[in-house]
Amino acid sequence: MRAWFAMLTCPRNHGAVRVTAVRRAVEMGMPETMTRERLFELVGQELGTSAWFEIGQNRIDQFAEVTEDRQFIHVDPVKAAESPFGGTIAHGMLTLSMIVYLCSEFVPAVEGVRMVVNYGFDRVRFAAPVRSGRRIRAVVRLLDAKERSGQILVKVKVTIKVEDETKPALVAEWLTMHFS
């Protein structure tokens, strides 16, 4: 197992993420890379759970600036305190965008694959808010992997959990295309 998309999306953390992923793979008795056939055998299985990651107000504010989404529930702690959320919350799209980073630790690398790109989502549901300062993590299950025009289309179910909460923040079916 290797953090295959960390090379494309996380150049600053690539070394650390890759070392962590390889270490976890070895500890689990899995090879660094696997065959297409082995990937297909993993359909239906959980691939892993990420480490906890804090979503702080600074990150929420930066996301608001980049996306021009400065709704008070995200950026105004005083006004947001009066809302049903009791304080500021992360943008749903911020939580969704964290999938790549959170999943980079344990997604399997397939022999012969030289590039992986986001292909989209079949389903995304924002089930609960992520309050500023809370920690999230991803739990990933492989739903499908199939050949498509010589490439591999992979579908995983990603559940973003919030520490000490019973309801997940987000559930998504994420698609990636693996190019040989």
C-alpha atoms as a PDB file:
ATOM      1  CA  MET A   1       0.000   0.000   0.000  1.00  0.00           C
ATOM      2  CA  ARG A   2       1.288   3.414  -0.889  1.00  0.00           C
ATOM      3  CA  ALA A   3      -0.134   6.922  -0.851  1.00  0.00           C
ATOM      4  CA  TRP A   4      -0.602   6.957  -4.595  1.00  0.00           C
ATOM      5  CA  PHE A   5      -2.279  10.304  -4.945  1.00  0.00           C
ATOM      6  CA  ALA A   6      -0.054  12.065  -2.439  1.00  0.00           C
ATOM      7  CA  MET A   7       2.439  12.410  -5.286  1.00  0.00           C
ATOM      8  CA  LEU A   8      -0.103  14.409  -7.267  1.00  0.00           C
ATOM      9  CA  THR A   9      -1.719  16.494  -4.548  1.00  0.00           C
ATOM     10  CA  CYS A  10       0.516  16.738  -1.481  1.00  0.00           C
ATOM     11  CA  PRO A  11       4.066  17.536  -2.640  1.00  0.00           C
ATOM     12  CA  ARG A  12       5.056  19.092   0.709  1.00  0.00           C
ATOM     13  CA  ASN A  13       4.064  16.005   2.683  1.00  0.00           C
ATOM     14  CA  HIS A  14       4.843  13.347   0.088  1.00  0.00           C
ATOM     15  CA  GLY A  15       7.873  11.882   1.838  1.00  0.00           C
ATOM     16  CA  ALA A  16       6.252  11.688   5.263  1.00  0.00           C
ATOM     17  CA  VAL A  17       2.942  10.402   3.905  1.00  0.00           C
ATOM     18  CA  ARG A  18       4.637   7.763   1.758  1.00  0.00           C
ATOM     19  CA  VAL A  19       6.817   6.537   4.625  1.00  0.00           C
ATOM     20  CA  THR A  20       3.773   6.317   6.896  1.00  0.00           C
ATOM     21  CA  ALA A  21       1.767   4.459   4.244  1.00  0.00           C
ATOM     22  CA  VAL A  22       4.553   1.996   3.513  1.00  0.00           C
ATOM     23  CA  ARG A  23       5.169   1.416   7.240  1.00  0.00           C
ATOM     24  CA  ARG A  24       1.440   0.735   7.823  1.00  0.00           C
ATOM     25  CA  ALA A  25       1.303  -1.603   4.833  1.00  0.00           C
ATOM     26  CA  VAL A  26       4.274  -3.612   6.070  1.00  0.00           C
ATOM     27  CA  GLU A  27       2.806  -3.754   9.599  1.00  0.00           C
ATOM     28  CA  MET A  28      -0.442  -5.103   8.099  1.00  0.00           C
ATOM     29  CA  GLY A  29       1.503  -7.719   6.117  1.00  0.00           C
ATOM     30  CA  MET A  30       0.591  -6.160   2.770  1.00  0.00           C
ATOM     31  CA  PRO A  31       3.006  -5.440  -0.082  1.00  0.00           C
ATOM     32  CA  GLU A  32       3.865  -1.862  -1.080  1.00  0.00           C
ATOM     33  CA  THR A  33       2.041  -2.431  -4.341  1.00  0.00           C
ATOM     34  CA  MET A  34      -0.525  -4.977  -5.449  1.00  0.00           C
ATOM     35  CA  THR A  35      -1.757  -6.497  -8.670  1.00  0.00           C
ATOM     36  CA  ARG A  36      -5.016  -5.457 -10.291  1.00  0.00           C
ATOM     37  CA  GLU A  37      -6.394  -8.858  -9.403  1.00  0.00           C
ATOM     38  CA  ARG A  38      -5.604  -8.340  -5.711  1.00  0.00           C
ATOM     39  CA  LEU A  39      -7.302  -4.929  -5.799  1.00  0.00           C
ATOM     40  CA  PHE A  40     -10.428  -6.536  -7.284  1.00  0.00           C
ATOM     41  CA  GLU A  41     -10.382  -9.130  -4.458  1.00  0.00           C
ATOM     42  CA  LEU A  42     -10.488  -6.305  -1.877  1.00  0.00           C
ATOM     43  CA  VAL A  43     -13.894  -5.036  -3.070  1.00  0.00           C
ATOM     44  CA  GLY A  44     -16.222  -4.868  -0.095  1.00  0.00           C
ATOM     45  CA  GLN A  45     -13.430  -4.580   2.468  1.00  0.00           C
ATOM     46  CA  GLU A  46     -12.407  -1.671   4.649  1.00  0.00           C
ATOM     47  CA  LEU A  47      -9.142  -0.132   3.449  1.00  0.00           C
ATOM     48  CA  GLY A  48      -8.358   1.820   6.581  1.00  0.00           C
ATOM     49  CA  THR A  49      -8.987   4.616   9.019  1.00  0.00           C
ATOM     50  CA  SER A  50      -6.960   7.825   8.978  1.00  0.00           C
ATOM     51  CA  ALA A  51      -5.389   9.618  11.889  1.00  0.00           C
ATOM     52  CA  TRP A  52      -7.386  12.403  13.533  1.00  0.00           C
ATOM     53  CA  PHE A  53      -6.986  15.855  11.952  1.00  0.00           C
ATOM     54  CA  GLU A  54      -8.056  19.139  13.550  1.00  0.00           C
ATOM     55  CA  ILE A  55     -10.191  21.588  11.589  1.00  0.00           C
ATOM     56  CA  GLY A  56      -9.316  24.909  13.225  1.00  0.00           C
ATOM     57  CA  GLN A  57     -10.780  28.362  12.725  1.00  0.00           C
ATOM     58  CA  ASN A  58      -7.708  29.533  10.806  1.00  0.00           C
ATOM     59  CA  ARG A  59      -8.218  26.776   8.208  1.00  0.00           C
ATOM     60  CA  ILE A  60     -11.939  27.629   7.970  1.00  0.00           C
ATOM     61  CA  ASP A  61     -11.120  31.325   7.489  1.00  0.00           C
ATOM     62  CA  GLN A  62      -8.562  30.515   4.782  1.00  0.00           C
ATOM     63  CA  PHE A  63     -11.078  28.307   2.979  1.00  0.00           C
ATOM     64  CA  ALA A  64     -13.644  31.132   3.164  1.00  0.00           C
ATOM     65  CA  GLU A  65     -11.162  33.500   1.541  1.00  0.00           C
ATOM     66  CA  VAL A  66     -10.235  31.116  -1.251  1.00  0.00           C
ATOM     67  CA  THR A  67     -13.857  30.231  -2.076  1.00  0.00           C
ATOM     68  CA  GLU A  68     -15.403  33.654  -1.382  1.00  0.00           C
ATOM     69  CA  ASP A  69     -17.857  31.897   0.963  1.00  0.00           C
ATOM     70  CA  ARG A  70     -17.805  34.130   4.030  1.00  0.00           C
ATOM     71  CA  GLN A  71     -21.171  33.183   5.526  1.00  0.00           C
ATOM     72  CA  PHE A  72     -21.260  34.134   9.224  1.00  0.00           C
ATOM     73  CA  ILE A  73     -21.644  30.532  10.404  1.00  0.00           C
ATOM     74  CA  HIS A  74     -18.108  29.955   9.133  1.00  0.00           C
ATOM     75  CA  VAL A  75     -16.229  33.173   9.909  1.00  0.00           C
ATOM     76  CA  ASP A  76     -18.013  35.161  12.655  1.00  0.00           C
ATOM     77  CA  PRO A  77     -17.670  33.402  16.032  1.00  0.00           C
ATOM     78  CA  VAL A  78     -19.851  35.952  17.862  1.00  0.00           C
ATOM     79  CA  LYS A  79     -22.764  35.813  15.439  1.00  0.00           C
ATOM     80  CA  ALA A  80     -22.352  32.040  14.884  1.00  0.00           C
ATOM     81  CA  ALA A  81     -22.625  31.507  18.656  1.00  0.00           C
ATOM     82  CA  GLU A  82     -26.254  32.617  18.342  1.00  0.00           C
ATOM     83  CA  SER A  83     -26.961  30.091  15.559  1.00  0.00           C
ATOM     84  CA  PRO A  84     -28.252  26.543  16.096  1.00  0.00           C
ATOM     85  CA  PHE A  85     -24.614  25.391  15.777  1.00  0.00           C
ATOM     86  CA  GLY A  86     -23.482  27.354  18.838  1.00  0.00           C
ATOM     87  CA  GLY A  87     -20.306  28.528  17.091  1.00  0.00           C
ATOM     88  CA  THR A  88     -18.524  28.505  13.776  1.00  0.00           C
ATOM     89  CA  ILE A  89     -18.539  25.413  11.596  1.00  0.00           C
ATOM     90  CA  ALA A  90     -16.416  24.228   8.683  1.00  0.00           C
ATOM     91  CA  HIS A  91     -17.764  24.556   5.169  1.00  0.00           C
ATOM     92  CA  GLY A  92     -19.125  21.251   3.913  1.00  0.00           C
ATOM     93  CA  MET A  93     -16.882  21.619   0.876  1.00  0.00           C
ATOM     94  CA  LEU A  94     -13.838  22.052   3.153  1.00  0.00           C
ATOM     95  CA  THR A  95     -14.682  18.780   4.856  1.00  0.00           C
ATOM     96  CA  LEU A  96     -15.169  17.131   1.451  1.00  0.00           C
ATOM     97  CA  SER A  97     -11.836  18.474   0.180  1.00  0.00           C
ATOM     98  CA  MET A  98     -10.009  16.890   3.133  1.00  0.00           C
ATOM     99  CA  ILE A  99     -10.761  13.431   1.721  1.00  0.00           C
ATOM    100  CA  VAL A 100      -7.611  13.388  -0.419  1.00  0.00           C
ATOM    101  CA  TYR A 101      -5.315  14.159   2.511  1.00  0.00           C
ATOM    102  CA  LEU A 102      -7.094  11.922   5.011  1.00  0.00           C
ATOM    103  CA  CYS A 103      -7.122   8.936   2.657  1.00  0.00           C
ATOM    104  CA  SER A 104      -3.521   9.270   1.476  1.00  0.00           C
ATOM    105  CA  GLU A 105      -2.201   7.070   4.293  1.00  0.00           C
ATOM    106  CA  PHE A 106      -3.729   3.778   3.268  1.00  0.00           C
ATOM    107  CA  VAL A 107      -5.092   3.675  -0.278  1.00  0.00           C
ATOM    108  CA  PRO A 108      -3.497   0.733  -2.109  1.00  0.00           C
ATOM    109  CA  ALA A 109      -1.057   1.268  -4.966  1.00  0.00           C
ATOM    110  CA  VAL A 110      -1.560  -0.941  -7.987  1.00  0.00           C
ATOM    111  CA  GLU A 111       1.363  -2.267 -10.028  1.00  0.00           C
ATOM    112  CA  GLY A 112       1.809  -0.430 -13.306  1.00  0.00           C
ATOM    113  CA  VAL A 113      -0.324   2.559 -12.319  1.00  0.00           C
ATOM    114  CA  ARG A 114       1.595   5.773 -12.962  1.00  0.00           C
ATOM    115  CA  MET A 115      -1.077   8.357 -12.224  1.00  0.00           C
ATOM    116  CA  VAL A 116      -4.346   8.621 -10.316  1.00  0.00           C
ATOM    117  CA  VAL A 117      -6.849  11.435 -10.801  1.00  0.00           C
ATOM    118  CA  ASN A 118     -10.105  12.408  -9.158  1.00  0.00           C
ATOM    119  CA  TYR A 119     -12.981  11.219 -11.333  1.00  0.00           C
ATOM    120  CA  GLY A 120     -15.826  12.594  -9.248  1.00  0.00           C
ATOM    121  CA  PHE A 121     -18.432  11.517  -6.740  1.00  0.00           C
ATOM    122  CA  ASP A 122     -21.501   9.346  -7.167  1.00  0.00           C
ATOM    123  CA  ARG A 123     -23.013  10.501  -3.894  1.00  0.00           C
ATOM    124  CA  VAL A 124     -22.175  13.075  -1.233  1.00  0.00           C
ATOM    125  CA  ARG A 125     -24.162  13.765   1.927  1.00  0.00           C
ATOM    126  CA  PHE A 126     -23.272  16.350   4.561  1.00  0.00           C
ATOM    127  CA  ALA A 127     -24.846  14.675   7.584  1.00  0.00           C
ATOM    128  CA  ALA A 128     -23.573  16.796  10.492  1.00  0.00           C
ATOM    129  CA  PRO A 129     -21.521  19.957  11.015  1.00  0.00           C
ATOM    130  CA  VAL A 130     -17.826  20.042  11.875  1.00  0.00           C
ATOM    131  CA  ARG A 131     -17.432  22.666  14.592  1.00  0.00           C
ATOM    132  CA  SER A 132     -14.281  24.762  14.623  1.00  0.00           C
ATOM    133  CA  GLY A 133     -11.533  23.106  16.633  1.00  0.00           C
ATOM    134  CA  ARG A 134     -12.936  19.584  16.255  1.00  0.00           C
ATOM    135  CA  ARG A 135     -10.996  16.639  14.888  1.00  0.00           C
ATOM    136  CA  ILE A 136     -12.082  14.511  11.945  1.00  0.00           C
ATOM    137  CA  ARG A 137     -10.912  11.277  10.374  1.00  0.00           C
ATOM    138  CA  ALA A 138     -11.816   9.157   7.373  1.00  0.00           C
ATOM    139  CA  VAL A 139     -12.937   5.536   7.265  1.00  0.00           C
ATOM    140  CA  VAL A 140     -12.753   4.025   3.777  1.00  0.00           C
ATOM    141  CA  ARG A 141     -14.357   0.932   2.264  1.00  0.00           C
ATOM    142  CA  LEU A 142     -13.630  -0.247  -1.283  1.00  0.00           C
ATOM    143  CA  LEU A 143     -17.005  -0.478  -3.068  1.00  0.00           C
ATOM    144  CA  ASP A 144     -15.888  -1.280  -6.608  1.00  0.00           C
ATOM    145  CA  ALA A 145     -12.848  -1.566  -8.850  1.00  0.00           C
ATOM    146  CA  LYS A 146     -13.198  -2.341 -12.525  1.00  0.00           C
ATOM    147  CA  GLU A 147     -11.364  -2.113 -15.808  1.00  0.00           C
ATOM    148  CA  ARG A 148     -12.511   0.736 -18.027  1.00  0.00           C
ATOM    149  CA  SER A 149     -10.787   1.405 -21.334  1.00  0.00           C
ATOM    150  CA  GLY A 150      -7.568  -0.166 -20.038  1.00  0.00           C
ATOM    151  CA  GLN A 151      -7.594   1.916 -16.869  1.00  0.00           C
ATOM    152  CA  ILE A 152      -8.995   1.116 -13.418  1.00  0.00           C
ATOM    153  CA  LEU A 153     -12.022   2.957 -12.076  1.00  0.00           C
ATOM    154  CA  VAL A 154     -12.124   2.743  -8.277  1.00  0.00           C
ATOM    155  CA  LYS A 155     -15.110   3.632  -6.097  1.00  0.00           C
ATOM    156  CA  VAL A 156     -14.692   3.971  -2.344  1.00  0.00           C
ATOM    157  CA  LYS A 157     -17.142   4.902   0.378  1.00  0.00           C
ATOM    158  CA  VAL A 158     -15.590   7.566   2.585  1.00  0.00           C
ATOM    159  CA  THR A 159     -17.141   8.310   5.953  1.00  0.00           C
ATOM    160  CA  ILE A 160     -15.775  11.405   7.691  1.00  0.00           C
ATOM    161  CA  LYS A 161     -16.235  11.013  11.429  1.00  0.00           C
ATOM    162  CA  VAL A 162     -16.036  13.758  14.046  1.00  0.00           C
ATOM    163  CA  GLU A 163     -14.314  12.900  17.307  1.00  0.00           C
ATOM    164  CA  ASP A 164     -16.778  12.246  20.153  1.00  0.00           C
ATOM    165  CA  GLU A 165     -19.804  12.477  17.822  1.00  0.00           C
ATOM    166  CA  THR A 166     -22.043   9.572  16.834  1.00  0.00           C
ATOM    167  CA  LYS A 167     -23.262  10.988  13.521  1.00  0.00           C
ATOM    168  CA  PRO A 168     -20.695  11.302  10.698  1.00  0.00           C
ATOM    169  CA  ALA A 169     -20.003  14.710   9.200  1.00  0.00           C
ATOM    170  CA  LEU A 170     -19.985  13.385   5.664  1.00  0.00           C
ATOM    171  CA  VAL A 171     -20.530  10.225   3.658  1.00  0.00           C
ATOM    172  CA  ALA A 172     -19.355  10.139   0.042  1.00  0.00           C
ATOM    173  CA  GLU A 173     -18.810   7.680  -2.779  1.00  0.00           C
ATOM    174  CA  TRP A 174     -15.553   8.863  -4.317  1.00  0.00           C
ATOM    175  CA  LEU A 175     -14.332   7.824  -7.761  1.00  0.00           C
ATOM    176  CA  THR A 176     -10.702   7.797  -8.890  1.00  0.00           C
ATOM    177  CA  MET A 177      -9.266   6.763 -12.263  1.00  0.00           C
ATOM    178  CA  HIS A 178      -5.941   4.895 -12.228  1.00  0.00           C
ATOM    179  CA  PHE A 179      -3.890   5.307 -15.391  1.00  0.00           C
ATOM    180  CA  SER A 180      -1.244   2.812 -16.534  1.00  0.00           C
END
